Amino acid sequence: MKIEDLSMQIILYAGNAKAFLHEALHAAKHGQFDEIESKRKQAADELLKAHKIQTSFLQEDAVEQLDVLPVLLVHAQDHLMTVMSEKDLIEELILLHQQQHETNRKLDRLLEIVKMQEQN
């Protein structure tokens, strides 16, 4: 397969992963925590596909010393690394949303108790 085709596959898989990660973040923002894990899994699967192609490029370069690195391959590598970095940040944001949701739930419960005590 041509380098350009494989580069486009890396971009496609990384883009898919990014979309799944943002869907997970959106779900977390709206308290839909049951949806997050499947989106994370889908993102991880797409990143794995992209990473396997990247690894094949590295192996080929180690053996055959690629003469030229097409700009599209450089862009694909950049795109993949950016999504991998975003993944780490999005996972932290999801955790923060989960913690905030739990804090809000506890606060709501506490306010209910205070309100019931005031009524008595």
PDB file of N, CA and C in Angstrom:
ATOM      1  N   MET A   1       0.856  -1.175   0.000  1.00  0.00           N
ATOM      2  CA  MET A   1       0.000   0.000   0.000  1.00  0.00           C
ATOM      3  C   MET A   1       0.904   1.241   0.000  1.00  0.00           C
ATOM      4  N   LYS A   2       0.482   2.257  -0.662  1.00  0.00           N
ATOM      5  CA  LYS A   2       1.277   3.473  -0.797  1.00  0.00           C
ATOM      6  C   LYS A   2       1.319   4.253   0.523  1.00  0.00           C
ATOM      7  N   ILE A   3       2.407   4.981   0.703  1.00  0.00           N
ATOM      8  CA  ILE A   3       2.584   5.776   1.913  1.00  0.00           C
ATOM      9  C   ILE A   3       1.435   6.764   2.092  1.00  0.00           C
ATOM     10  N   GLU A   4       0.983   7.357   1.002  1.00  0.00           N
ATOM     11  CA  GLU A   4      -0.095   8.332   1.085  1.00  0.00           C
ATOM     12  C   GLU A   4      -1.387   7.688   1.596  1.00  0.00           C
ATOM     13  N   ASP A   5      -1.671   6.476   1.124  1.00  0.00           N
ATOM     14  CA  ASP A   5      -2.879   5.769   1.569  1.00  0.00           C
ATOM     15  C   ASP A   5      -2.794   5.437   3.060  1.00  0.00           C
ATOM     16  N   LEU A   6      -1.638   4.970   3.489  1.00  0.00           N
ATOM     17  CA  LEU A   6      -1.465   4.647   4.906  1.00  0.00           C
ATOM     18  C   LEU A   6      -1.511   5.912   5.761  1.00  0.00           C
ATOM     19  N   SER A   7      -0.968   6.993   5.241  1.00  0.00           N
ATOM     20  CA  SER A   7      -1.029   8.267   5.964  1.00  0.00           C
ATOM     21  C   SER A   7      -2.479   8.698   6.154  1.00  0.00           C
ATOM     22  N   MET A   8      -3.270   8.554   5.102  1.00  0.00           N
ATOM     23  CA  MET A   8      -4.685   8.919   5.199  1.00  0.00           C
ATOM     24  C   MET A   8      -5.412   8.023   6.204  1.00  0.00           C
ATOM     25  N   GLN A   9      -5.026   6.758   6.281  1.00  0.00           N
ATOM     26  CA  GLN A   9      -5.641   5.862   7.270  1.00  0.00           C
ATOM     27  C   GLN A   9      -5.310   6.319   8.690  1.00  0.00           C
ATOM     28  N   ILE A  10      -4.073   6.734   8.918  1.00  0.00           N
ATOM     29  CA  ILE A  10      -3.699   7.248  10.240  1.00  0.00           C
ATOM     30  C   ILE A  10      -4.563   8.460  10.582  1.00  0.00           C
ATOM     31  N   ILE A  11      -4.711   9.370   9.629  1.00  0.00           N
ATOM     32  CA  ILE A  11      -5.527  10.565   9.856  1.00  0.00           C
ATOM     33  C   ILE A  11      -6.976  10.174  10.135  1.00  0.00           C
ATOM     34  N   LEU A  12      -7.498   9.229   9.373  1.00  0.00           N
ATOM     35  CA  LEU A  12      -8.882   8.767   9.559  1.00  0.00           C
ATOM     36  C   LEU A  12      -9.080   8.166  10.945  1.00  0.00           C
ATOM     37  N   TYR A  13      -8.216   7.215  11.334  1.00  0.00           N
ATOM     38  CA  TYR A  13      -8.368   6.557  12.632  1.00  0.00           C
ATOM     39  C   TYR A  13      -8.185   7.546  13.784  1.00  0.00           C
ATOM     40  N   ALA A  14      -7.211   8.435  13.652  1.00  0.00           N
ATOM     41  CA  ALA A  14      -6.994   9.431  14.702  1.00  0.00           C
ATOM     42  C   ALA A  14      -8.195  10.376  14.788  1.00  0.00           C
ATOM     43  N   GLY A  15      -8.731  10.754  13.657  1.00  0.00           N
ATOM     44  CA  GLY A  15      -9.917  11.619  13.644  1.00  0.00           C
ATOM     45  C   GLY A  15     -11.122  10.942  14.270  1.00  0.00           C
ATOM     46  N   ASN A  16     -11.298   9.660  13.972  1.00  0.00           N
ATOM     47  CA  ASN A  16     -12.389   8.900  14.594  1.00  0.00           C
ATOM     48  C   ASN A  16     -12.213   8.860  16.107  1.00  0.00           C
ATOM     49  N   ALA A  17     -10.982   8.607  16.545  1.00  0.00           N
ATOM     50  CA  ALA A  17     -10.706   8.555  17.985  1.00  0.00           C
ATOM     51  C   ALA A  17     -11.026   9.891  18.637  1.00  0.00           C
ATOM     52  N   LYS A  18     -10.629  10.966  17.985  1.00  0.00           N
ATOM     53  CA  LYS A  18     -10.899  12.298  18.523  1.00  0.00           C
ATOM     54  C   LYS A  18     -12.398  12.532  18.664  1.00  0.00           C
ATOM     55  N   ALA A  19     -13.157  12.127  17.665  1.00  0.00           N
ATOM     56  CA  ALA A  19     -14.614  12.296  17.720  1.00  0.00           C
ATOM     57  C   ALA A  19     -15.208  11.505  18.882  1.00  0.00           C
ATOM     58  N   PHE A  20     -14.767  10.262  19.068  1.00  0.00           N
ATOM     59  CA  PHE A  20     -15.277   9.448  20.177  1.00  0.00           C
ATOM     60  C   PHE A  20     -14.912  10.065  21.529  1.00  0.00           C
ATOM     61  N   LEU A  21     -13.698  10.591  21.632  1.00  0.00           N
ATOM     62  CA  LEU A  21     -13.280  11.224  22.885  1.00  0.00           C
ATOM     63  C   LEU A  21     -14.128  12.450  23.196  1.00  0.00           C
ATOM     64  N   HIS A  22     -14.417  13.235  22.183  1.00  0.00           N
ATOM     65  CA  HIS A  22     -15.244  14.421  22.408  1.00  0.00           C
ATOM     66  C   HIS A  22     -16.687  14.038  22.724  1.00  0.00           C
ATOM     67  N   GLU A  23     -17.163  12.931  22.164  1.00  0.00           N
ATOM     68  CA  GLU A  23     -18.494  12.437  22.531  1.00  0.00           C
ATOM     69  C   GLU A  23     -18.516  12.014  23.994  1.00  0.00           C
ATOM     70  N   ALA A  24     -17.441  11.383  24.452  1.00  0.00           N
ATOM     71  CA  ALA A  24     -17.345  10.978  25.865  1.00  0.00           C
ATOM     72  C   ALA A  24     -17.330  12.209  26.769  1.00  0.00           C
ATOM     73  N   LEU A  25     -16.586  13.225  26.377  1.00  0.00           N
ATOM     74  CA  LEU A  25     -16.529  14.461  27.157  1.00  0.00           C
ATOM     75  C   LEU A  25     -17.901  15.133  27.194  1.00  0.00           C
ATOM     76  N   HIS A  26     -18.575  15.161  26.067  1.00  0.00           N
ATOM     77  CA  HIS A  26     -19.920  15.748  26.005  1.00  0.00           C
ATOM     78  C   HIS A  26     -20.872  14.990  26.943  1.00  0.00           C
ATOM     79  N   ALA A  27     -20.779  13.669  26.931  1.00  0.00           N
ATOM     80  CA  ALA A  27     -21.622  12.858  27.817  1.00  0.00           C
ATOM     81  C   ALA A  27     -21.320  13.188  29.278  1.00  0.00           C
ATOM     82  N   ALA A  28     -20.040  13.339  29.609  1.00  0.00           N
ATOM     83  CA  ALA A  28     -19.662  13.664  30.990  1.00  0.00           C
ATOM     84  C   ALA A  28     -20.206  15.027  31.399  1.00  0.00           C
ATOM     85  N   LYS A  29     -20.142  15.991  30.491  1.00  0.00           N
ATOM     86  CA  LYS A  29     -20.657  17.326  30.794  1.00  0.00           C
ATOM     87  C   LYS A  29     -22.141  17.291  31.125  1.00  0.00           C
ATOM     88  N   HIS A  30     -22.850  16.339  30.541  1.00  0.00           N
ATOM     89  CA  HIS A  30     -24.296  16.246  30.732  1.00  0.00           C
ATOM     90  C   HIS A  30     -24.698  15.136  31.702  1.00  0.00           C
ATOM     91  N   GLY A  31     -23.710  14.618  32.452  1.00  0.00           N
ATOM     92  CA  GLY A  31     -24.004  13.629  33.481  1.00  0.00           C
ATOM     93  C   GLY A  31     -24.400  12.258  32.956  1.00  0.00           C
ATOM     94  N   GLN A  32     -24.096  11.974  31.705  1.00  0.00           N
ATOM     95  CA  GLN A  32     -24.450  10.688  31.099  1.00  0.00           C
ATOM     96  C   GLN A  32     -23.244   9.747  31.190  1.00  0.00           C
ATOM     97  N   PHE A  33     -22.912   9.381  32.412  1.00  0.00           N
ATOM     98  CA  PHE A  33     -21.685   8.645  32.665  1.00  0.00           C
ATOM     99  C   PHE A  33     -21.711   7.208  32.168  1.00  0.00           C
ATOM    100  N   ASP A  34     -22.889   6.664  31.929  1.00  0.00           N
ATOM    101  CA  ASP A  34     -22.980   5.298  31.426  1.00  0.00           C
ATOM    102  C   ASP A  34     -22.504   5.187  29.980  1.00  0.00           C
ATOM    103  N   GLU A  35     -22.438   6.276  29.259  1.00  0.00           N
ATOM    104  CA  GLU A  35     -22.020   6.264  27.854  1.00  0.00           C
ATOM    105  C   GLU A  35     -20.512   6.405  27.679  1.00  0.00           C
ATOM    106  N   ILE A  36     -19.839   6.854  28.704  1.00  0.00           N
ATOM    107  CA  ILE A  36     -18.433   7.238  28.577  1.00  0.00           C
ATOM    108  C   ILE A  36     -17.529   6.060  28.252  1.00  0.00           C
ATOM    109  N   GLU A  37     -17.689   4.960  28.950  1.00  0.00           N
ATOM    110  CA  GLU A  37     -16.751   3.853  28.790  1.00  0.00           C
ATOM    111  C   GLU A  37     -16.763   3.285  27.372  1.00  0.00           C
ATOM    112  N   SER A  38     -17.943   3.185  26.763  1.00  0.00           N
ATOM    113  CA  SER A  38     -17.985   2.659  25.392  1.00  0.00           C
ATOM    114  C   SER A  38     -17.300   3.621  24.419  1.00  0.00           C
ATOM    115  N   LYS A  39     -17.450   4.912  24.645  1.00  0.00           N
ATOM    116  CA  LYS A  39     -16.786   5.893  23.786  1.00  0.00           C
ATOM    117  C   LYS A  39     -15.270   5.835  23.964  1.00  0.00           C
ATOM    118  N   ARG A  40     -14.826   5.661  25.196  1.00  0.00           N
ATOM    119  CA  ARG A  40     -13.386   5.524  25.451  1.00  0.00           C
ATOM    120  C   ARG A  40     -12.829   4.288  24.751  1.00  0.00           C
ATOM    121  N   LYS A  41     -13.578   3.204  24.816  1.00  0.00           N
ATOM    122  CA  LYS A  41     -13.139   1.954  24.178  1.00  0.00           C
ATOM    123  C   LYS A  41     -13.052   2.134  22.666  1.00  0.00           C
ATOM    124  N   GLN A  42     -14.066   2.775  22.089  1.00  0.00           N
ATOM    125  CA  GLN A  42     -14.048   3.011  20.650  1.00  0.00           C
ATOM    126  C   GLN A  42     -12.851   3.885  20.266  1.00  0.00           C
ATOM    127  N   ALA A  43     -12.572   4.906  21.056  1.00  0.00           N
ATOM    128  CA  ALA A  43     -11.424   5.777  20.787  1.00  0.00           C
ATOM    129  C   ALA A  43     -10.122   4.985  20.881  1.00  0.00           C
ATOM    130  N   ALA A  44     -10.002   4.158  21.903  1.00  0.00           N
ATOM    131  CA  ALA A  44      -8.789   3.352  22.078  1.00  0.00           C
ATOM    132  C   ALA A  44      -8.588   2.398  20.907  1.00  0.00           C
ATOM    133  N   ASP A  45      -9.663   1.802  20.429  1.00  0.00           N
ATOM    134  CA  ASP A  45      -9.575   0.893  19.280  1.00  0.00           C
ATOM    135  C   ASP A  45      -9.077   1.630  18.037  1.00  0.00           C
ATOM    136  N   GLU A  46      -9.593   2.831  17.804  1.00  0.00           N
ATOM    137  CA  GLU A  46      -9.177   3.613  16.638  1.00  0.00           C
ATOM    138  C   GLU A  46      -7.714   4.050  16.773  1.00  0.00           C
ATOM    139  N   LEU A  47      -7.319   4.454  17.981  1.00  0.00           N
ATOM    140  CA  LEU A  47      -5.923   4.844  18.188  1.00  0.00           C
ATOM    141  C   LEU A  47      -4.983   3.667  17.997  1.00  0.00           C
ATOM    142  N   LEU A  48      -5.415   2.494  18.400  1.00  0.00           N
ATOM    143  CA  LEU A  48      -4.591   1.297  18.212  1.00  0.00           C
ATOM    144  C   LEU A  48      -4.373   1.020  16.729  1.00  0.00           C
ATOM    145  N   LYS A  49      -5.427   1.159  15.930  1.00  0.00           N
ATOM    146  CA  LYS A  49      -5.289   0.958  14.481  1.00  0.00           C
ATOM    147  C   LYS A  49      -4.275   1.942  13.900  1.00  0.00           C
ATOM    148  N   ALA A  50      -4.406   3.207  14.290  1.00  0.00           N
ATOM    149  CA  ALA A  50      -3.477   4.232  13.796  1.00  0.00           C
ATOM    150  C   ALA A  50      -2.057   3.947  14.262  1.00  0.00           C
ATOM    151  N   HIS A  51      -1.932   3.533  15.495  1.00  0.00           N
ATOM    152  CA  HIS A  51      -0.598   3.270  16.058  1.00  0.00           C
ATOM    153  C   HIS A  51       0.069   2.090  15.367  1.00  0.00           C
ATOM    154  N   LYS A  52      -0.706   1.087  14.996  1.00  0.00           N
ATOM    155  CA  LYS A  52      -0.135  -0.073  14.281  1.00  0.00           C
ATOM    156  C   LYS A  52       0.437   0.356  12.929  1.00  0.00           C
ATOM    157  N   ILE A  53      -0.270   1.236  12.242  1.00  0.00           N
ATOM    158  CA  ILE A  53       0.240   1.732  10.958  1.00  0.00           C
ATOM    159  C   ILE A  53       1.506   2.548  11.195  1.00  0.00           C
ATOM    160  N   GLN A  54       1.498   3.387  12.200  1.00  0.00           N
ATOM    161  CA  GLN A  54       2.668   4.191  12.537  1.00  0.00           C
ATOM    162  C   GLN A  54       3.868   3.284  12.833  1.00  0.00           C
ATOM    163  N   THR A  55       3.624   2.229  13.594  1.00  0.00           N
ATOM    164  CA  THR A  55       4.697   1.292  13.933  1.00  0.00           C
ATOM    165  C   THR A  55       5.251   0.619  12.680  1.00  0.00           C
ATOM    166  N   SER A  56       4.368   0.289  11.742  1.00  0.00           N
ATOM    167  CA  SER A  56       4.847  -0.334  10.501  1.00  0.00           C
ATOM    168  C   SER A  56       5.746   0.632   9.725  1.00  0.00           C
ATOM    169  N   PHE A  57       5.419   1.934   9.737  1.00  0.00           N
ATOM    170  CA  PHE A  57       6.291   2.923   9.100  1.00  0.00           C
ATOM    171  C   PHE A  57       7.657   2.949   9.770  1.00  0.00           C
ATOM    172  N   LEU A  58       7.666   2.939  11.077  1.00  0.00           N
ATOM    173  CA  LEU A  58       8.935   2.989  11.813  1.00  0.00           C
ATOM    174  C   LEU A  58       9.783   1.759  11.524  1.00  0.00           C
ATOM    175  N   GLN A  59       9.136   0.595  11.470  1.00  0.00           N
ATOM    176  CA  GLN A  59       9.864  -0.640  11.168  1.00  0.00           C
ATOM    177  C   GLN A  59      10.415  -0.612   9.747  1.00  0.00           C
ATOM    178  N   GLU A  60       9.591  -0.140   8.816  1.00  0.00           N
ATOM    179  CA  GLU A  60      10.031  -0.065   7.424  1.00  0.00           C
ATOM    180  C   GLU A  60      11.204   0.902   7.293  1.00  0.00           C
ATOM    181  N   ASP A  61      11.111   2.027   7.975  1.00  0.00           N
ATOM    182  CA  ASP A  61      12.187   3.007   7.908  1.00  0.00           C
ATOM    183  C   ASP A  61      13.473   2.460   8.520  1.00  0.00           C
ATOM    184  N   ALA A  62      13.347   1.683   9.580  1.00  0.00           N
ATOM    185  CA  ALA A  62      14.532   1.106  10.221  1.00  0.00           C
ATOM    186  C   ALA A  62      15.231   0.114   9.299  1.00  0.00           C
ATOM    187  N   VAL A  63      14.449  -0.610   8.493  1.00  0.00           N
ATOM    188  CA  VAL A  63      15.020  -1.627   7.606  1.00  0.00           C
ATOM    189  C   VAL A  63      15.459  -1.013   6.275  1.00  0.00           C
ATOM    190  N   GLU A  64      14.567  -0.234   5.666  1.00  0.00           N
ATOM    191  CA  GLU A  64      14.799   0.230   4.304  1.00  0.00           C
ATOM    192  C   GLU A  64      15.227   1.692   4.202  1.00  0.00           C
ATOM    193  N   GLN A  65      15.182   2.424   5.290  1.00  0.00           N
ATOM    194  CA  GLN A  65      15.522   3.840   5.264  1.00  0.00           C
ATOM    195  C   GLN A  65      14.727   4.558   4.167  1.00  0.00           C
ATOM    196  N   LEU A  66      13.512   4.927   4.506  1.00  0.00           N
ATOM    197  CA  LEU A  66      12.655   5.626   3.552  1.00  0.00           C
ATOM    198  C   LEU A  66      13.400   6.839   2.992  1.00  0.00           C
ATOM    199  N   ASP A  67      13.376   6.990   1.684  1.00  0.00           N
ATOM    200  CA  ASP A  67      14.094   8.090   1.033  1.00  0.00           C
ATOM    201  C   ASP A  67      13.479   9.449   1.347  1.00  0.00           C
ATOM    202  N   VAL A  68      12.154   9.485   1.304  1.00  0.00           N
ATOM    203  CA  VAL A  68      11.458  10.750   1.455  1.00  0.00           C
ATOM    204  C   VAL A  68      10.306  10.571   2.433  1.00  0.00           C
ATOM    205  N   LEU A  69      10.126  11.543   3.292  1.00  0.00           N
ATOM    206  CA  LEU A  69       8.960  11.546   4.162  1.00  0.00           C
ATOM    207  C   LEU A  69       7.959  12.540   3.586  1.00  0.00           C
ATOM    208  N   PRO A  70       6.885  12.019   2.998  1.00  0.00           N
ATOM    209  CA  PRO A  70       5.894  12.922   2.414  1.00  0.00           C
ATOM    210  C   PRO A  70       5.271  13.818   3.482  1.00  0.00           C
ATOM    211  N   VAL A  71       4.901  15.018   3.088  1.00  0.00           N
ATOM    212  CA  VAL A  71       4.277  15.970   3.992  1.00  0.00           C
ATOM    213  C   VAL A  71       3.013  15.375   4.597  1.00  0.00           C
ATOM    214  N   LEU A  72       2.286  14.587   3.819  1.00  0.00           N
ATOM    215  CA  LEU A  72       1.066  13.975   4.320  1.00  0.00           C
ATOM    216  C   LEU A  72       1.368  13.025   5.478  1.00  0.00           C
ATOM    217  N   LEU A  73       2.465  12.292   5.407  1.00  0.00           N
ATOM    218  CA  LEU A  73       2.854  11.399   6.503  1.00  0.00           C
ATOM    219  C   LEU A  73       3.226  12.213   7.741  1.00  0.00           C
ATOM    220  N   VAL A  74       3.935  13.284   7.557  1.00  0.00           N
ATOM    221  CA  VAL A  74       4.293  14.148   8.683  1.00  0.00           C
ATOM    222  C   VAL A  74       3.026  14.709   9.324  1.00  0.00           C
ATOM    223  N   HIS A  75       2.083  15.127   8.486  1.00  0.00           N
ATOM    224  CA  HIS A  75       0.805  15.638   8.999  1.00  0.00           C
ATOM    225  C   HIS A  75       0.060  14.542   9.755  1.00  0.00           C
ATOM    226  N   ALA A  76       0.054  13.334   9.219  1.00  0.00           N
ATOM    227  CA  ALA A  76      -0.632  12.218   9.875  1.00  0.00           C
ATOM    228  C   ALA A  76      -0.022  11.941  11.244  1.00  0.00           C
ATOM    229  N   GLN A  77       1.301  11.933  11.306  1.00  0.00           N
ATOM    230  CA  GLN A  77       1.993  11.714  12.574  1.00  0.00           C
ATOM    231  C   GLN A  77       1.635  12.811  13.578  1.00  0.00           C
ATOM    232  N   ASP A  78       1.627  14.031  13.115  1.00  0.00           N
ATOM    233  CA  ASP A  78       1.291  15.169  13.970  1.00  0.00           C
ATOM    234  C   ASP A  78      -0.140  15.048  14.472  1.00  0.00           C
ATOM    235  N   HIS A  79      -1.034  14.694  13.582  1.00  0.00           N
ATOM    236  CA  HIS A  79      -2.445  14.541  13.945  1.00  0.00           C
ATOM    237  C   HIS A  79      -2.613  13.443  15.000  1.00  0.00           C
ATOM    238  N   LEU A  80      -1.954  12.324  14.789  1.00  0.00           N
ATOM    239  CA  LEU A  80      -2.041  11.212  15.744  1.00  0.00           C
ATOM    240  C   LEU A  80      -1.503  11.623  17.112  1.00  0.00           C
ATOM    241  N   MET A  81      -0.358  12.264  17.156  1.00  0.00           N
ATOM    242  CA  MET A  81       0.223  12.660  18.430  1.00  0.00           C
ATOM    243  C   MET A  81      -0.659  13.690  19.141  1.00  0.00           C
ATOM    244  N   THR A  82      -1.272  14.584  18.382  1.00  0.00           N
ATOM    245  CA  THR A  82      -2.164  15.575  18.972  1.00  0.00           C
ATOM    246  C   THR A  82      -3.376  14.902  19.605  1.00  0.00           C
ATOM    247  N   VAL A  83      -3.945  13.940  18.914  1.00  0.00           N
ATOM    248  CA  VAL A  83      -5.117  13.235  19.452  1.00  0.00           C
ATOM    249  C   VAL A  83      -4.730  12.436  20.691  1.00  0.00           C
ATOM    250  N   MET A  84      -3.553  11.833  20.678  1.00  0.00           N
ATOM    251  CA  MET A  84      -3.118  11.074  21.855  1.00  0.00           C
ATOM    252  C   MET A  84      -2.952  12.007  23.059  1.00  0.00           C
ATOM    253  N   SER A  85      -2.442  13.194  22.821  1.00  0.00           N
ATOM    254  CA  SER A  85      -2.313  14.181  23.895  1.00  0.00           C
ATOM    255  C   SER A  85      -3.692  14.651  24.362  1.00  0.00           C
ATOM    256  N   GLU A  86      -4.586  14.898  23.405  1.00  0.00           N
ATOM    257  CA  GLU A  86      -5.951  15.297  23.746  1.00  0.00           C
ATOM    258  C   GLU A  86      -6.645  14.226  24.576  1.00  0.00           C
ATOM    259  N   LYS A  87      -6.374  12.978  24.259  1.00  0.00           N
ATOM    260  CA  LYS A  87      -6.982  11.866  24.991  1.00  0.00           C
ATOM    261  C   LYS A  87      -6.672  11.987  26.476  1.00  0.00           C
ATOM    262  N   ASP A  88      -5.415  12.249  26.797  1.00  0.00           N
ATOM    263  CA  ASP A  88      -5.033  12.383  28.205  1.00  0.00           C
ATOM    264  C   ASP A  88      -5.774  13.543  28.870  1.00  0.00           C
ATOM    265  N   LEU A  89      -5.844  14.663  28.185  1.00  0.00           N
ATOM    266  CA  LEU A  89      -6.533  15.824  28.747  1.00  0.00           C
ATOM    267  C   LEU A  89      -8.034  15.585  28.895  1.00  0.00           C
ATOM    268  N   ILE A  90      -8.638  14.977  27.892  1.00  0.00           N
ATOM    269  CA  ILE A  90     -10.077  14.707  27.946  1.00  0.00           C
ATOM    270  C   ILE A  90     -10.396  13.736  29.072  1.00  0.00           C
ATOM    271  N   GLU A  91      -9.558  12.743  29.274  1.00  0.00           N
ATOM    272  CA  GLU A  91      -9.799  11.806  30.375  1.00  0.00           C
ATOM    273  C   GLU A  91      -9.742  12.523  31.723  1.00  0.00           C
ATOM    274  N   GLU A  92      -8.841  13.486  31.873  1.00  0.00           N
ATOM    275  CA  GLU A  92      -8.792  14.277  33.103  1.00  0.00           C
ATOM    276  C   GLU A  92     -10.047  15.132  33.257  1.00  0.00           C
ATOM    277  N   LEU A  93     -10.497  15.728  32.157  1.00  0.00           N
ATOM    278  CA  LEU A  93     -11.716  16.536  32.215  1.00  0.00           C
ATOM    279  C   LEU A  93     -12.930  15.685  32.564  1.00  0.00           C
ATOM    280  N   ILE A  94     -12.993  14.489  32.035  1.00  0.00           N
ATOM    281  CA  ILE A  94     -14.099  13.582  32.359  1.00  0.00           C
ATOM    282  C   ILE A  94     -14.094  13.274  33.849  1.00  0.00           C
ATOM    283  N   LEU A  95     -12.920  13.000  34.385  1.00  0.00           N
ATOM    284  CA  LEU A  95     -12.805  12.728  35.826  1.00  0.00           C
ATOM    285  C   LEU A  95     -13.288  13.932  36.634  1.00  0.00           C
ATOM    286  N   LEU A  96     -12.904  15.121  36.228  1.00  0.00           N
ATOM    287  CA  LEU A  96     -13.360  16.321  36.926  1.00  0.00           C
ATOM    288  C   LEU A  96     -14.880  16.471  36.860  1.00  0.00           C
ATOM    289  N   HIS A  97     -15.462  16.190  35.701  1.00  0.00           N
ATOM    290  CA  HIS A  97     -16.923  16.247  35.568  1.00  0.00           C
ATOM    291  C   HIS A  97     -17.592  15.222  36.483  1.00  0.00           C
ATOM    292  N   GLN A  98     -17.022  14.031  36.555  1.00  0.00           N
ATOM    293  CA  GLN A  98     -17.590  12.998  37.423  1.00  0.00           C
ATOM    294  C   GLN A  98     -17.517  13.435  38.885  1.00  0.00           C
ATOM    295  N   GLN A  99     -16.386  13.977  39.286  1.00  0.00           N
ATOM    296  CA  GLN A  99     -16.236  14.424  40.663  1.00  0.00           C
ATOM    297  C   GLN A  99     -17.182  15.579  40.972  1.00  0.00           C
ATOM    298  N   GLN A 100     -17.318  16.507  40.045  1.00  0.00           N
ATOM    299  CA  GLN A 100     -18.223  17.643  40.247  1.00  0.00           C
ATOM    300  C   GLN A 100     -19.672  17.158  40.330  1.00  0.00           C
ATOM    301  N   HIS A 101     -20.025  16.209  39.498  1.00  0.00           N
ATOM    302  CA  HIS A 101     -21.378  15.655  39.522  1.00  0.00           C
ATOM    303  C   HIS A 101     -21.667  14.997  40.879  1.00  0.00           C
ATOM    304  N   GLU A 102     -20.705  14.255  41.378  1.00  0.00           N
ATOM    305  CA  GLU A 102     -20.865  13.595  42.672  1.00  0.00           C
ATOM    306  C   GLU A 102     -20.960  14.622  43.803  1.00  0.00           C
ATOM    307  N   THR A 103     -20.139  15.653  43.742  1.00  0.00           N
ATOM    308  CA  THR A 103     -20.191  16.724  44.746  1.00  0.00           C
ATOM    309  C   THR A 103     -21.545  17.420  44.718  1.00  0.00           C
ATOM    310  N   ASN A 104     -22.033  17.720  43.519  1.00  0.00           N
ATOM    311  CA  ASN A 104     -23.344  18.363  43.385  1.00  0.00           C
ATOM    312  C   ASN A 104     -24.461  17.468  43.929  1.00  0.00           C
ATOM    313  N   ARG A 105     -24.348  16.172  43.673  1.00  0.00           N
ATOM    314  CA  ARG A 105     -25.352  15.232  44.173  1.00  0.00           C
ATOM    315  C   ARG A 105     -25.363  15.227  45.696  1.00  0.00           C
ATOM    316  N   LYS A 106     -24.191  15.201  46.303  1.00  0.00           N
ATOM    317  CA  LYS A 106     -24.094  15.226  47.764  1.00  0.00           C
ATOM    318  C   LYS A 106     -24.617  16.543  48.328  1.00  0.00           C
ATOM    319  N   LEU A 107     -24.293  17.636  47.676  1.00  0.00           N
ATOM    320  CA  LEU A 107     -24.760  18.940  48.122  1.00  0.00           C
ATOM    321  C   LEU A 107     -26.282  19.038  48.036  1.00  0.00           C
ATOM    322  N   ASP A 108     -26.850  18.543  46.948  1.00  0.00           N
ATOM    323  CA  ASP A 108     -28.314  18.536  46.816  1.00  0.00           C
ATOM    324  C   ASP A 108     -28.961  17.729  47.935  1.00  0.00           C
ATOM    325  N   ARG A 109     -28.360  16.596  48.241  1.00  0.00           N
ATOM    326  CA  ARG A 109     -28.897  15.748  49.319  1.00  0.00           C
ATOM    327  C   ARG A 109     -28.807  16.471  50.663  1.00  0.00           C
ATOM    328  N   LEU A 110     -27.685  17.112  50.900  1.00  0.00           N
ATOM    329  CA  LEU A 110     -27.491  17.856  52.146  1.00  0.00           C
ATOM    330  C   LEU A 110     -28.511  18.997  52.253  1.00  0.00           C
ATOM    331  N   LEU A 111     -28.747  19.693  51.167  1.00  0.00           N
ATOM    332  CA  LEU A 111     -29.722  20.779  51.172  1.00  0.00           C
ATOM    333  C   LEU A 111     -31.138  20.259  51.444  1.00  0.00           C
ATOM    334  N   GLU A 112     -31.442  19.091  50.933  1.00  0.00           N
ATOM    335  CA  GLU A 112     -32.746  18.460  51.220  1.00  0.00           C
ATOM    336  C   GLU A 112     -32.901  18.178  52.702  1.00  0.00           C
ATOM    337  N   ILE A 113     -31.832  17.668  53.303  1.00  0.00           N
ATOM    338  CA  ILE A 113     -31.865  17.355  54.744  1.00  0.00           C
ATOM    339  C   ILE A 113     -32.055  18.638  55.548  1.00  0.00           C
ATOM    340  N   VAL A 114     -31.312  19.692  55.201  1.00  0.00           N
ATOM    341  CA  VAL A 114     -31.433  20.970  55.907  1.00  0.00           C
ATOM    342  C   VAL A 114     -32.842  21.521  55.752  1.00  0.00           C
ATOM    343  N   LYS A 115     -33.383  21.458  54.578  1.00  0.00           N
ATOM    344  CA  LYS A 115     -34.734  21.957  54.320  1.00  0.00           C
ATOM    345  C   LYS A 115     -35.760  21.175  55.142  1.00  0.00           C
ATOM    346  N   MET A 116     -35.587  19.858  55.218  1.00  0.00           N
ATOM    347  CA  MET A 116     -36.534  19.033  56.023  1.00  0.00           C
ATOM    348  C   MET A 116     -36.421  19.387  57.501  1.00  0.00           C
ATOM    349  N   GLN A 117     -35.203  19.638  57.986  1.00  0.00           N
ATOM    350  CA  GLN A 117     -35.015  19.998  59.382  1.00  0.00           C
ATOM    351  C   GLN A 117     -35.633  21.362  59.699  1.00  0.00           C
ATOM    352  N   GLU A 118     -35.535  22.285  58.757  1.00  0.00           N
ATOM    353  CA  GLU A 118     -36.116  23.616  58.964  1.00  0.00           C
ATOM    354  C   GLU A 118     -37.648  23.539  59.023  1.00  0.00           C
ATOM    355  N   GLN A 119     -38.222  22.604  58.310  1.00  0.00           N
ATOM    356  CA  GLN A 119     -39.666  22.463  58.296  1.00  0.00           C
ATOM    357  C   GLN A 119     -40.205  21.853  59.580  1.00  0.00           C
ATOM    358  N   ASN A 120     -39.377  21.155  60.302  1.00  0.00           N
ATOM    359  CA  ASN A 120     -39.794  20.512  61.554  1.00  0.00           C
ATOM    360  C   ASN A 120     -39.678  21.417  62.721  1.00  0.00           C
TER     361      ASN A 120
END
